[in-house]
PDB file of N, CA and C in Angstrom:
ATOM      1  N   MET A   1     214.009 167.707 138.921  1.00  0.00           N
ATOM      2  CA  MET A   1     214.033 168.621 139.556  1.00  0.00           C
ATOM      3  C   MET A   1     214.621 168.887 140.822  1.00  0.00           C
ATOM      4  N   ARG A   2     215.455 169.903 141.015  1.00  0.00           N
ATOM      5  CA  ARG A   2     216.194 170.519 141.937  1.00  0.00           C
ATOM      6  C   ARG A   2     215.123 171.006 143.191  1.00  0.00           C
ATOM      7  N   SER A   3     215.477 170.320 144.385  1.00  0.00           N
ATOM      8  CA  SER A   3     214.793 170.669 145.740  1.00  0.00           C
ATOM      9  C   SER A   3     215.419 172.273 146.068  1.00  0.00           C
ATOM     10  N   LYS A   4     214.626 172.959 146.988  1.00  0.00           N
ATOM     11  CA  LYS A   4     215.258 174.038 147.422  1.00  0.00           C
ATOM     12  C   LYS A   4     216.290 173.953 148.275  1.00  0.00           C
ATOM     13  N   ASN A   5     216.408 172.592 148.908  1.00  0.00           N
ATOM     14  CA  ASN A   5     217.637 172.369 149.943  1.00  0.00           C
ATOM     15  C   ASN A   5     218.620 171.571 149.231  1.00  0.00           C
ATOM     16  N   SER A   6     218.542 171.572 147.768  1.00  0.00           N
ATOM     17  CA  SER A   6     219.497 170.603 147.377  1.00  0.00           C
ATOM     18  C   SER A   6     220.952 171.763 147.218  1.00  0.00           C
ATOM     19  N   PRO A   7     222.040 171.265 147.262  1.00  0.00           N
ATOM     20  CA  PRO A   7     223.424 171.994 147.184  1.00  0.00           C
ATOM     21  C   PRO A   7     223.456 172.597 145.698  1.00  0.00           C
ATOM     22  N   ILE A   8     223.692 173.935 145.437  1.00  0.00           N
ATOM     23  CA  ILE A   8     224.317 174.411 144.112  1.00  0.00           C
ATOM     24  C   ILE A   8     225.562 174.899 143.867  1.00  0.00           C
ATOM     25  N   SER A   9     225.986 175.072 145.292  1.00  0.00           N
ATOM     26  CA  SER A   9     227.487 175.543 145.163  1.00  0.00           C
ATOM     27  C   SER A   9     228.420 174.573 146.011  1.00  0.00           C
ATOM     28  N   TYR A  10     229.588 174.771 145.784  1.00  0.00           N
ATOM     29  CA  TYR A  10     230.706 173.860 146.612  1.00  0.00           C
ATOM     30  C   TYR A  10     232.084 174.720 146.813  1.00  0.00           C
ATOM     31  N   GLN A  11     232.605 174.402 147.932  1.00  0.00           N
ATOM     32  CA  GLN A  11     234.017 174.762 148.255  1.00  0.00           C
ATOM     33  C   GLN A  11     235.152 173.565 148.338  1.00  0.00           C
ATOM     34  N   LEU A  12     236.152 173.827 147.570  1.00  0.00           N
ATOM     35  CA  LEU A  12     237.265 172.769 147.762  1.00  0.00           C
ATOM     36  C   LEU A  12     238.331 173.510 148.597  1.00  0.00           C
ATOM     37  N   HIS A  13     238.570 172.964 149.689  1.00  0.00           N
ATOM     38  CA  HIS A  13     239.793 173.264 150.715  1.00  0.00           C
ATOM     39  C   HIS A  13     240.922 172.809 150.366  1.00  0.00           C
ATOM     40  N   LEU A  14     241.928 173.136 149.776  1.00  0.00           N
ATOM     41  CA  LEU A  14     243.124 172.883 149.270  1.00  0.00           C
ATOM     42  C   LEU A  14     244.530 173.328 150.162  1.00  0.00           C
ATOM     43  N   VAL A  15     245.414 172.454 149.783  1.00  0.00           N
ATOM     44  CA  VAL A  15     246.491 172.912 150.154  1.00  0.00           C
ATOM     45  C   VAL A  15     247.654 172.816 149.159  1.00  0.00           C
ATOM     46  N   LEU A  16     248.444 173.911 149.022  1.00  0.00           N
ATOM     47  CA  LEU A  16     249.656 173.713 147.959  1.00  0.00           C
ATOM     48  C   LEU A  16     250.685 173.825 148.948  1.00  0.00           C
ATOM     49  N   GLU A  17     251.510 172.542 148.865  1.00  0.00           N
ATOM     50  CA  GLU A  17     252.614 172.444 149.833  1.00  0.00           C
ATOM     51  C   GLU A  17     253.771 172.868 149.457  1.00  0.00           C
ATOM     52  N   LYS A  18     253.976 173.579 148.160  1.00  0.00           N
ATOM     53  CA  LYS A  18     255.267 174.204 147.601  1.00  0.00           C
ATOM     54  C   LYS A  18     254.763 175.335 146.876  1.00  0.00           C
ATOM     55  N   SER A  19     255.248 176.666 147.000  1.00  0.00           N
ATOM     56  CA  SER A  19     255.046 177.766 146.164  1.00  0.00           C
ATOM     57  C   SER A  19     255.441 177.481 144.689  1.00  0.00           C
ATOM     58  N   THR A  20     254.617 177.943 144.164  1.00  0.00           N
ATOM     59  CA  THR A  20     254.944 177.364 142.313  1.00  0.00           C
ATOM     60  C   THR A  20     254.299 178.432 141.410  1.00  0.00           C
ATOM     61  N   VAL A  21     254.811 178.762 140.560  1.00  0.00           N
ATOM     62  CA  VAL A  21     254.094 179.436 139.278  1.00  0.00           C
ATOM     63  C   VAL A  21     253.408 178.608 138.515  1.00  0.00           C
ATOM     64  N   ILE A  22     252.137 178.720 137.972  1.00  0.00           N
ATOM     65  CA  ILE A  22     250.995 178.151 137.211  1.00  0.00           C
ATOM     66  C   ILE A  22     250.647 178.718 136.274  1.00  0.00           C
ATOM     67  N   THR A  23     250.434 178.382 134.867  1.00  0.00           N
ATOM     68  CA  THR A  23     249.842 179.132 133.860  1.00  0.00           C
ATOM     69  C   THR A  23     248.543 178.596 134.017  1.00  0.00           C
ATOM     70  N   VAL A  24     247.277 179.441 134.331  1.00  0.00           N
ATOM     71  CA  VAL A  24     246.145 179.024 134.373  1.00  0.00           C
ATOM     72  C   VAL A  24     245.402 179.420 133.053  1.00  0.00           C
ATOM     73  N   GLY A  25     245.427 178.454 132.007  1.00  0.00           N
ATOM     74  CA  GLY A  25     244.920 178.747 130.751  1.00  0.00           C
ATOM     75  C   GLY A  25     244.978 180.047 130.110  1.00  0.00           C
ATOM     76  N   LYS A  26     244.020 180.530 129.622  1.00  0.00           N
ATOM     77  CA  LYS A  26     244.087 181.987 129.100  1.00  0.00           C
ATOM     78  C   LYS A  26     243.946 183.061 130.043  1.00  0.00           C
ATOM     79  N   LEU A  27     243.860 182.876 131.436  1.00  0.00           N
ATOM     80  CA  LEU A  27     244.045 183.783 132.485  1.00  0.00           C
ATOM     81  C   LEU A  27     245.436 184.324 132.654  1.00  0.00           C
ATOM     82  N   GLY A  28     246.418 183.514 132.480  1.00  0.00           N
ATOM     83  CA  GLY A  28     247.644 183.902 132.661  1.00  0.00           C
ATOM     84  C   GLY A  28     248.574 183.131 133.564  1.00  0.00           C
ATOM     85  N   ARG A  29     249.763 183.689 133.879  1.00  0.00           N
ATOM     86  CA  ARG A  29     250.617 182.881 134.800  1.00  0.00           C
ATOM     87  C   ARG A  29     250.725 183.514 136.287  1.00  0.00           C
ATOM     88  N   PHE A  30     250.538 182.757 137.159  1.00  0.00           N
ATOM     89  CA  PHE A  30     250.342 183.432 138.446  1.00  0.00           C
ATOM     90  C   PHE A  30     251.427 182.592 139.581  1.00  0.00           C
ATOM     91  N   ALA A  31     251.949 183.460 140.406  1.00  0.00           N
ATOM     92  CA  ALA A  31     252.774 182.808 141.383  1.00  0.00           C
ATOM     93  C   ALA A  31     251.914 182.743 142.599  1.00  0.00           C
ATOM     94  N   PHE A  32     251.845 181.365 142.736  1.00  0.00           N
ATOM     95  CA  PHE A  32     251.015 180.900 144.194  1.00  0.00           C
ATOM     96  C   PHE A  32     251.906 180.495 145.045  1.00  0.00           C
ATOM     97  N   PRO A  33     251.820 181.261 146.261  1.00  0.00           N
ATOM     98  CA  PRO A  33     252.531 180.652 147.428  1.00  0.00           C
ATOM     99  C   PRO A  33     252.005 179.581 148.249  1.00  0.00           C
ATOM    100  N   ALA A  34     252.758 178.710 148.646  1.00  0.00           N
ATOM    101  CA  ALA A  34     252.496 177.788 149.567  1.00  0.00           C
ATOM    102  C   ALA A  34     251.367 178.013 150.560  1.00  0.00           C
ATOM    103  N   GLY A  35     250.651 177.208 150.742  1.00  0.00           N
ATOM    104  CA  GLY A  35     249.567 177.468 151.687  1.00  0.00           C
ATOM    105  C   GLY A  35     248.383 176.766 151.548  1.00  0.00           C
ATOM    106  N   LYS A  36     247.192 177.243 152.287  1.00  0.00           N
ATOM    107  CA  LYS A  36     245.956 176.775 152.220  1.00  0.00           C
ATOM    108  C   LYS A  36     244.975 177.694 151.326  1.00  0.00           C
ATOM    109  N   TYR A  37     244.081 177.246 150.554  1.00  0.00           N
ATOM    110  CA  TYR A  37     243.152 178.002 149.750  1.00  0.00           C
ATOM    111  C   TYR A  37     241.927 177.402 149.872  1.00  0.00           C
ATOM    112  N   VAL A  38     240.920 178.152 149.348  1.00  0.00           N
ATOM    113  CA  VAL A  38     239.627 177.774 149.247  1.00  0.00           C
ATOM    114  C   VAL A  38     238.928 178.086 147.871  1.00  0.00           C
ATOM    115  N   TYR A  39     238.462 177.255 147.119  1.00  0.00           N
ATOM    116  CA  TYR A  39     237.836 177.539 145.808  1.00  0.00           C
ATOM    117  C   TYR A  39     236.491 177.316 145.853  1.00  0.00           C
ATOM    118  N   THR A  40     235.642 178.435 145.267  1.00  0.00           N
ATOM    119  CA  THR A  40     234.214 178.340 145.266  1.00  0.00           C
ATOM    120  C   THR A  40     233.853 178.018 144.087  1.00  0.00           C
ATOM    121  N   GLY A  41     232.972 177.021 143.912  1.00  0.00           N
ATOM    122  CA  GLY A  41     232.374 176.892 142.484  1.00  0.00           C
ATOM    123  C   GLY A  41     230.823 176.509 142.563  1.00  0.00           C
ATOM    124  N   SER A  42     230.200 176.297 141.370  1.00  0.00           N
ATOM    125  CA  SER A  42     228.892 175.702 141.688  1.00  0.00           C
ATOM    126  C   SER A  42     228.501 174.817 140.359  1.00  0.00           C
ATOM    127  N   ALA A  43     227.431 174.029 140.854  1.00  0.00           N
ATOM    128  CA  ALA A  43     226.988 172.888 139.965  1.00  0.00           C
ATOM    129  C   ALA A  43     225.637 172.683 140.210  1.00  0.00           C
ATOM    130  N   ARG A  44     224.697 173.509 139.464  1.00  0.00           N
ATOM    131  CA  ARG A  44     223.353 173.506 139.599  1.00  0.00           C
ATOM    132  C   ARG A  44     222.698 172.142 139.246  1.00  0.00           C
ATOM    133  N   ARG A  45     223.492 171.283 138.359  1.00  0.00           N
ATOM    134  CA  ARG A  45     223.086 170.000 138.268  1.00  0.00           C
ATOM    135  C   ARG A  45     224.148 169.145 138.459  1.00  0.00           C
ATOM    136  N   ASN A  46     223.706 167.810 138.985  1.00  0.00           N
ATOM    137  CA  ASN A  46     224.761 166.720 139.240  1.00  0.00           C
ATOM    138  C   ASN A  46     226.166 167.265 139.991  1.00  0.00           C
ATOM    139  N   MET A  47     226.124 167.635 141.146  1.00  0.00           N
ATOM    140  CA  MET A  47     226.872 168.306 141.906  1.00  0.00           C
ATOM    141  C   MET A  47     228.129 167.126 142.311  1.00  0.00           C
ATOM    142  N   ALA A  48     227.630 165.871 142.537  1.00  0.00           N
ATOM    143  CA  ALA A  48     228.311 164.783 142.825  1.00  0.00           C
ATOM    144  C   ALA A  48     229.493 164.490 141.666  1.00  0.00           C
ATOM    145  N   ALA A  49     228.786 164.519 140.488  1.00  0.00           N
ATOM    146  CA  ALA A  49     230.024 164.544 139.266  1.00  0.00           C
ATOM    147  C   ALA A  49     230.791 165.604 139.148  1.00  0.00           C
ATOM    148  N   ARG A  50     230.484 166.530 139.300  1.00  0.00           N
ATOM    149  CA  ARG A  50     231.446 167.711 139.334  1.00  0.00           C
ATOM    150  C   ARG A  50     232.414 167.590 140.135  1.00  0.00           C
ATOM    151  N   VAL A  51     232.161 167.529 141.567  1.00  0.00           N
ATOM    152  CA  VAL A  51     233.357 167.137 142.506  1.00  0.00           C
ATOM    153  C   VAL A  51     234.022 165.906 142.422  1.00  0.00           C
ATOM    154  N   ALA A  52     233.337 164.898 141.817  1.00  0.00           N
ATOM    155  CA  ALA A  52     234.175 163.816 141.372  1.00  0.00           C
ATOM    156  C   ALA A  52     235.226 164.166 140.151  1.00  0.00           C
ATOM    157  N   ARG A  53     234.751 164.950 139.299  1.00  0.00           N
ATOM    158  CA  ARG A  53     235.730 165.441 138.192  1.00  0.00           C
ATOM    159  C   ARG A  53     236.890 165.957 138.807  1.00  0.00           C
ATOM    160  N   HIS A  54     236.541 166.948 139.708  1.00  0.00           N
ATOM    161  CA  HIS A  54     237.566 167.919 140.490  1.00  0.00           C
ATOM    162  C   HIS A  54     238.741 166.973 140.971  1.00  0.00           C
ATOM    163  N   LEU A  55     238.180 165.837 141.758  1.00  0.00           N
ATOM    164  CA  LEU A  55     239.050 165.012 142.491  1.00  0.00           C
ATOM    165  C   LEU A  55     239.736 163.934 141.733  1.00  0.00           C
ATOM    166  N   ALA A  56     239.592 163.704 140.379  1.00  0.00           N
ATOM    167  CA  ALA A  56     239.959 162.875 139.487  1.00  0.00           C
ATOM    168  C   ALA A  56     241.476 163.377 139.071  1.00  0.00           C
ATOM    169  N   ILE A  57     242.311 162.379 138.911  1.00  0.00           N
ATOM    170  CA  ILE A  57     243.784 162.675 138.662  1.00  0.00           C
ATOM    171  C   ILE A  57     244.025 162.977 137.271  1.00  0.00           C
ATOM    172  N   SER A  58     243.468 162.371 136.496  1.00  0.00           N
ATOM    173  CA  SER A  58     243.614 162.547 135.159  1.00  0.00           C
ATOM    174  C   SER A  58     242.448 163.060 134.482  1.00  0.00           C
ATOM    175  N   LYS A  59     242.254 164.364 133.739  1.00  0.00           N
ATOM    176  CA  LYS A  59     241.238 165.132 133.397  1.00  0.00           C
ATOM    177  C   LYS A  59     241.742 166.182 132.170  1.00  0.00           C
ATOM    178  N   PRO A  60     241.098 166.841 131.363  1.00  0.00           N
ATOM    179  CA  PRO A  60     241.189 167.608 130.333  1.00  0.00           C
ATOM    180  C   PRO A  60     241.103 168.860 131.138  1.00  0.00           C
ATOM    181  N   MET A  61     242.032 169.940 130.647  1.00  0.00           N
ATOM    182  CA  MET A  61     241.953 171.312 131.504  1.00  0.00           C
ATOM    183  C   MET A  61     240.718 172.202 130.959  1.00  0.00           C
ATOM    184  N   ARG A  62     239.847 172.036 131.668  1.00  0.00           N
ATOM    185  CA  ARG A  62     238.673 172.907 131.130  1.00  0.00           C
ATOM    186  C   ARG A  62     238.148 174.095 132.076  1.00  0.00           C
ATOM    187  N   TRP A  63     238.492 174.002 133.338  1.00  0.00           N
ATOM    188  CA  TRP A  63     238.107 175.177 134.199  1.00  0.00           C
ATOM    189  C   TRP A  63     239.590 175.571 134.925  1.00  0.00           C
ATOM    190  N   HIS A  64     239.558 176.792 135.512  1.00  0.00           N
ATOM    191  CA  HIS A  64     240.830 177.416 136.028  1.00  0.00           C
ATOM    192  C   HIS A  64     241.298 176.466 137.092  1.00  0.00           C
ATOM    193  N   ILE A  65     240.303 175.952 137.896  1.00  0.00           N
ATOM    194  CA  ILE A  65     240.800 174.980 139.099  1.00  0.00           C
ATOM    195  C   ILE A  65     241.440 174.036 138.638  1.00  0.00           C
ATOM    196  N   ASP A  66     241.165 173.311 137.286  1.00  0.00           N
ATOM    197  CA  ASP A  66     241.906 172.232 137.022  1.00  0.00           C
ATOM    198  C   ASP A  66     243.596 172.508 136.813  1.00  0.00           C
ATOM    199  N   TYR A  67     243.876 173.448 136.519  1.00  0.00           N
ATOM    200  CA  TYR A  67     245.394 173.771 136.393  1.00  0.00           C
ATOM    201  C   TYR A  67     245.778 173.728 137.898  1.00  0.00           C
ATOM    202  N   LEU A  68     245.029 174.160 138.754  1.00  0.00           N
ATOM    203  CA  LEU A  68     245.819 174.096 139.978  1.00  0.00           C
ATOM    204  C   LEU A  68     245.662 172.747 140.654  1.00  0.00           C
ATOM    205  N   LEU A  69     244.567 172.032 140.479  1.00  0.00           N
ATOM    206  CA  LEU A  69     244.344 170.819 140.945  1.00  0.00           C
ATOM    207  C   LEU A  69     245.446 169.895 140.449  1.00  0.00           C
ATOM    208  N   SER A  70     245.959 170.215 139.127  1.00  0.00           N
ATOM    209  CA  SER A  70     246.747 169.198 138.468  1.00  0.00           C
ATOM    210  C   SER A  70     248.137 169.347 138.794  1.00  0.00           C
ATOM    211  N   HIS A  71     248.516 170.319 139.521  1.00  0.00           N
ATOM    212  CA  HIS A  71     249.793 170.410 140.185  1.00  0.00           C
ATOM    213  C   HIS A  71     250.239 169.535 141.018  1.00  0.00           C
ATOM    214  N   PRO A  72     251.367 169.021 141.096  1.00  0.00           N
ATOM    215  CA  PRO A  72     251.677 167.690 141.807  1.00  0.00           C
ATOM    216  C   PRO A  72     251.957 167.973 143.338  1.00  0.00           C
ATOM    217  N   HIS A  73     252.031 169.517 143.759  1.00  0.00           N
ATOM    218  CA  HIS A  73     252.091 169.786 145.056  1.00  0.00           C
ATOM    219  C   HIS A  73     250.680 170.422 145.553  1.00  0.00           C
ATOM    220  N   CYS A  74     249.667 170.057 144.961  1.00  0.00           N
ATOM    221  CA  CYS A  74     248.277 170.568 145.430  1.00  0.00           C
ATOM    222  C   CYS A  74     247.477 169.266 145.686  1.00  0.00           C
ATOM    223  N   ARG A  75     246.730 169.345 146.906  1.00  0.00           N
ATOM    224  CA  ARG A  75     245.914 168.166 147.272  1.00  0.00           C
ATOM    225  C   ARG A  75     244.605 168.984 147.738  1.00  0.00           C
ATOM    226  N   VAL A  76     243.551 168.307 147.574  1.00  0.00           N
ATOM    227  CA  VAL A  76     242.057 168.641 148.079  1.00  0.00           C
ATOM    228  C   VAL A  76     242.168 167.965 149.564  1.00  0.00           C
ATOM    229  N   LEU A  77     241.845 168.921 150.673  1.00  0.00           N
ATOM    230  CA  LEU A  77     241.531 168.378 151.982  1.00  0.00           C
ATOM    231  C   LEU A  77     240.337 168.245 152.407  1.00  0.00           C
ATOM    232  N   ALA A  78     239.396 169.087 151.973  1.00  0.00           N
ATOM    233  CA  ALA A  78     237.986 168.729 152.315  1.00  0.00           C
ATOM    234  C   ALA A  78     237.046 169.237 151.215  1.00  0.00           C
ATOM    235  N   VAL A  79     235.863 169.133 151.150  1.00  0.00           N
ATOM    236  CA  VAL A  79     234.811 169.544 150.055  1.00  0.00           C
ATOM    237  C   VAL A  79     233.605 169.561 150.857  1.00  0.00           C
ATOM    238  N   SER A  80     232.950 171.175 150.604  1.00  0.00           N
ATOM    239  CA  SER A  80     231.688 171.440 151.306  1.00  0.00           C
ATOM    240  C   SER A  80     230.658 171.697 150.437  1.00  0.00           C
ATOM    241  N   THR A  81     229.335 171.531 150.725  1.00  0.00           N
ATOM    242  CA  THR A  81     228.422 171.887 149.613  1.00  0.00           C
ATOM    243  C   THR A  81     227.576 172.717 150.481  1.00  0.00           C
ATOM    244  N   PHE A  82     226.814 173.614 149.523  1.00  0.00           N
ATOM    245  CA  PHE A  82     225.966 174.910 150.316  1.00  0.00           C
ATOM    246  C   PHE A  82     224.768 174.924 149.601  1.00  0.00           C
ATOM    247  N   THR A  83     223.597 175.599 149.852  1.00  0.00           N
ATOM    248  CA  THR A  83     222.519 175.749 149.157  1.00  0.00           C
ATOM    249  C   THR A  83     222.220 177.353 148.606  1.00  0.00           C
ATOM    250  N   GLU A  84     223.335 178.030 149.070  1.00  0.00           N
ATOM    251  CA  GLU A  84     223.477 179.471 148.734  1.00  0.00           C
ATOM    252  C   GLU A  84     224.276 179.487 147.403  1.00  0.00           C
ATOM    253  N   THR A  85     224.127 180.538 146.607  1.00  0.00           N
ATOM    254  CA  THR A  85     224.932 180.812 145.277  1.00  0.00           C
ATOM    255  C   THR A  85     226.608 180.719 145.745  1.00  0.00           C
ATOM    256  N   GLU A  86     227.247 180.595 144.675  1.00  0.00           N
ATOM    257  CA  GLU A  86     228.567 180.442 144.909  1.00  0.00           C
ATOM    258  C   GLU A  86     229.350 181.756 145.284  1.00  0.00           C
ATOM    259  N   CYS A  87     228.794 183.054 144.704  1.00  0.00           N
ATOM    260  CA  CYS A  87     228.999 184.197 145.165  1.00  0.00           C
ATOM    261  C   CYS A  87     228.668 184.540 146.617  1.00  0.00           C
ATOM    262  N   GLU A  88     227.667 184.357 147.023  1.00  0.00           N
ATOM    263  CA  GLU A  88     227.197 184.364 148.487  1.00  0.00           C
ATOM    264  C   GLU A  88     228.061 183.678 149.483  1.00  0.00           C
ATOM    265  N   VAL A  89     228.541 182.371 149.078  1.00  0.00           N
ATOM    266  CA  VAL A  89     229.518 181.670 149.851  1.00  0.00           C
ATOM    267  C   VAL A  89     230.934 182.225 149.785  1.00  0.00           C
ATOM    268  N   ASN A  90     231.278 182.654 148.539  1.00  0.00           N
ATOM    269  CA  ASN A  90     232.691 182.970 148.425  1.00  0.00           C
ATOM    270  C   ASN A  90     232.744 184.285 149.089  1.00  0.00           C
ATOM    271  N   ARG A  91     231.812 185.182 149.302  1.00  0.00           N
ATOM    272  CA  ARG A  91     232.068 186.268 149.965  1.00  0.00           C
ATOM    273  C   ARG A  91     232.158 186.064 151.556  1.00  0.00           C
ATOM    274  N   LEU A  92     231.844 184.981 152.241  1.00  0.00           N
ATOM    275  CA  LEU A  92     232.316 184.624 153.405  1.00  0.00           C
ATOM    276  C   LEU A  92     233.824 184.237 153.622  1.00  0.00           C
ATOM    277  N   VAL A  93     234.622 183.881 152.692  1.00  0.00           N
ATOM    278  CA  VAL A  93     235.815 183.528 152.882  1.00  0.00           C
ATOM    279  C   VAL A  93     236.746 184.808 152.849  1.00  0.00           C
ATOM    280  N   GLU A  94     237.469 184.698 154.027  1.00  0.00           N
ATOM    281  CA  GLU A  94     238.509 185.941 154.046  1.00  0.00           C
ATOM    282  C   GLU A  94     239.969 185.157 153.595  1.00  0.00           C
ATOM    283  N   GLY A  95     240.613 185.892 152.783  1.00  0.00           N
ATOM    284  CA  GLY A  95     241.769 185.455 152.241  1.00  0.00           C
ATOM    285  C   GLY A  95     242.216 186.518 150.977  1.00  0.00           C
ATOM    286  N   ALA A  96     243.442 186.255 150.737  1.00  0.00           N
ATOM    287  CA  ALA A  96     244.013 187.080 149.628  1.00  0.00           C
ATOM    288  C   ALA A  96     243.834 186.432 148.021  1.00  0.00           C
ATOM    289  N   ILE A  97     243.549 187.373 147.144  1.00  0.00           N
ATOM    290  CA  ILE A  97     243.537 187.242 146.093  1.00  0.00           C
ATOM    291  C   ILE A  97     244.948 186.913 145.321  1.00  0.00           C
ATOM    292  N   ILE A  98     245.169 185.800 144.928  1.00  0.00           N
ATOM    293  CA  ILE A  98     246.275 185.459 143.970  1.00  0.00           C
ATOM    294  C   ILE A  98     246.210 185.714 142.536  1.00  0.00           C
ATOM    295  N   ALA A  99     245.249 185.145 142.217  1.00  0.00           N
ATOM    296  CA  ALA A  99     244.851 185.225 140.436  1.00  0.00           C
ATOM    297  C   ALA A  99     243.545 185.801 140.370  1.00  0.00           C
ATOM    298  N   PRO A 100     243.464 187.324 140.046  1.00  0.00           N
ATOM    299  CA  PRO A 100     242.273 187.793 139.718  1.00  0.00           C
ATOM    300  C   PRO A 100     241.359 187.354 138.642  1.00  0.00           C
ATOM    301  N   GLY A 101     240.076 187.018 138.905  1.00  0.00           N
ATOM    302  CA  GLY A 101     239.394 186.110 137.854  1.00  0.00           C
ATOM    303  C   GLY A 101     239.235 184.986 138.006  1.00  0.00           C
ATOM    304  N   PHE A 102     240.189 184.329 138.890  1.00  0.00           N
ATOM    305  CA  PHE A 102     240.245 182.775 138.649  1.00  0.00           C
ATOM    306  C   PHE A 102     238.810 182.378 139.178  1.00  0.00           C
ATOM    307  N   GLY A 103     238.280 181.478 138.298  1.00  0.00           N
ATOM    308  CA  GLY A 103     236.822 180.720 138.339  1.00  0.00           C
ATOM    309  C   GLY A 103     235.701 181.669 138.502  1.00  0.00           C
ATOM    310  N   SER A 104     236.067 183.284 138.219  1.00  0.00           N
ATOM    311  CA  SER A 104     234.877 184.076 138.263  1.00  0.00           C
ATOM    312  C   SER A 104     234.637 184.880 137.217  1.00  0.00           C
ATOM    313  N   THR A 105     235.309 184.492 135.918  1.00  0.00           N
ATOM    314  CA  THR A 105     235.261 185.249 134.755  1.00  0.00           C
ATOM    315  C   THR A 105     233.842 185.625 134.493  1.00  0.00           C
ATOM    316  N   ASP A 106     232.613 184.577 134.703  1.00  0.00           N
ATOM    317  CA  ASP A 106     231.365 185.155 134.463  1.00  0.00           C
ATOM    318  C   ASP A 106     230.770 185.558 135.458  1.00  0.00           C
ATOM    319  N   CYS A 107     231.467 185.961 136.475  1.00  0.00           N
ATOM    320  CA  CYS A 107     230.724 186.601 137.851  1.00  0.00           C
ATOM    321  C   CYS A 107     230.112 187.898 137.592  1.00  0.00           C
ATOM    322  N   ARG A 108     228.905 188.202 138.064  1.00  0.00           N
ATOM    323  CA  ARG A 108     228.464 189.481 137.691  1.00  0.00           C
ATOM    324  C   ARG A 108     228.284 190.277 139.207  1.00  0.00           C
ATOM    325  N   ASN A 109     228.698 189.598 140.215  1.00  0.00           N
ATOM    326  CA  ASN A 109     228.687 190.009 141.543  1.00  0.00           C
ATOM    327  C   ASN A 109     229.626 190.661 142.125  1.00  0.00           C
ATOM    328  N   GLY A 110     230.783 191.305 141.382  1.00  0.00           N
ATOM    329  CA  GLY A 110     231.925 191.875 141.793  1.00  0.00           C
ATOM    330  C   GLY A 110     233.035 191.157 142.669  1.00  0.00           C
ATOM    331  N   CYS A 111     232.848 189.543 142.564  1.00  0.00           N
ATOM    332  CA  CYS A 111     233.954 188.771 143.244  1.00  0.00           C
ATOM    333  C   CYS A 111     235.163 189.007 142.403  1.00  0.00           C
ATOM    334  N   GLY A 112     236.365 189.302 142.955  1.00  0.00           N
ATOM    335  CA  GLY A 112     237.522 189.584 142.381  1.00  0.00           C
ATOM    336  C   GLY A 112     238.078 188.047 142.065  1.00  0.00           C
ATOM    337  N   SER A 113     237.894 187.132 142.822  1.00  0.00           N
ATOM    338  CA  SER A 113     238.173 185.707 142.322  1.00  0.00           C
ATOM    339  C   SER A 113     237.350 184.654 143.296  1.00  0.00           C
ATOM    340  N   HIS A 114     237.041 183.461 142.785  1.00  0.00           N
ATOM    341  CA  HIS A 114     236.456 182.513 143.553  1.00  0.00           C
ATOM    342  C   HIS A 114     237.777 181.513 144.278  1.00  0.00           C
ATOM    343  N   LEU A 115     238.810 181.917 143.925  1.00  0.00           N
ATOM    344  CA  LEU A 115     239.654 181.265 144.733  1.00  0.00           C
ATOM    345  C   LEU A 115     240.615 182.321 145.614  1.00  0.00           C
ATOM    346  N   LYS A 116     240.801 181.912 146.857  1.00  0.00           N
ATOM    347  CA  LYS A 116     241.386 182.546 148.163  1.00  0.00           C
ATOM    348  C   LYS A 116     242.275 182.015 148.678  1.00  0.00           C
ATOM    349  N   HIS A 117     243.554 182.684 148.964  1.00  0.00           N
ATOM    350  CA  HIS A 117     244.492 182.142 149.704  1.00  0.00           C
ATOM    351  C   HIS A 117     244.355 182.423 151.359  1.00  0.00           C
ATOM    352  N   THR A 118     244.074 181.477 152.077  1.00  0.00           N
ATOM    353  CA  THR A 118     243.654 181.667 153.406  1.00  0.00           C
ATOM    354  C   THR A 118     244.436 181.797 154.443  1.00  0.00           C
ATOM    355  N   ALA A 119     245.834 180.806 154.077  1.00  0.00           N
ATOM    356  CA  ALA A 119     246.696 180.791 155.047  1.00  0.00           C
ATOM    357  C   ALA A 119     248.099 180.202 154.580  1.00  0.00           C
ATOM    358  N   ARG A 120     249.161 180.739 155.058  1.00  0.00           N
ATOM    359  CA  ARG A 120     250.459 180.526 154.671  1.00  0.00           C
ATOM    360  C   ARG A 120     250.696 179.166 155.228  1.00  0.00           C
ATOM    361  N   LEU A 121     251.632 178.414 154.829  1.00  0.00           N
ATOM    362  CA  LEU A 121     252.279 177.243 155.603  1.00  0.00           C
ATOM    363  C   LEU A 121     253.667 177.625 156.362  1.00  0.00           C
TER     364      LEU A 121
END
């Protein structure tokens, strides 16, 4: 049973060292400029396993973030966890939406994307 203080959402703080075009599954092809990004996701059960999966080098492409993380010029700088929902946390991040719908295809709160480009390199 999950406690009220257990994290249910997380953020991956990323850097994409080189601008690139990536096909993100059925979502489509997007031109990602080099820079820093914040991806917000959720894991109501087994947060550690979800984050470890994201950090793994070899994995099947299941979520939108897998396509970005598998790119050789993308790396994770930091991971943060939160007790608030992913949409609540995502709303606090200021940044540009490069790939509309990224990580938010099931979002019912009007988030345009759960990936935001926060700074250019």
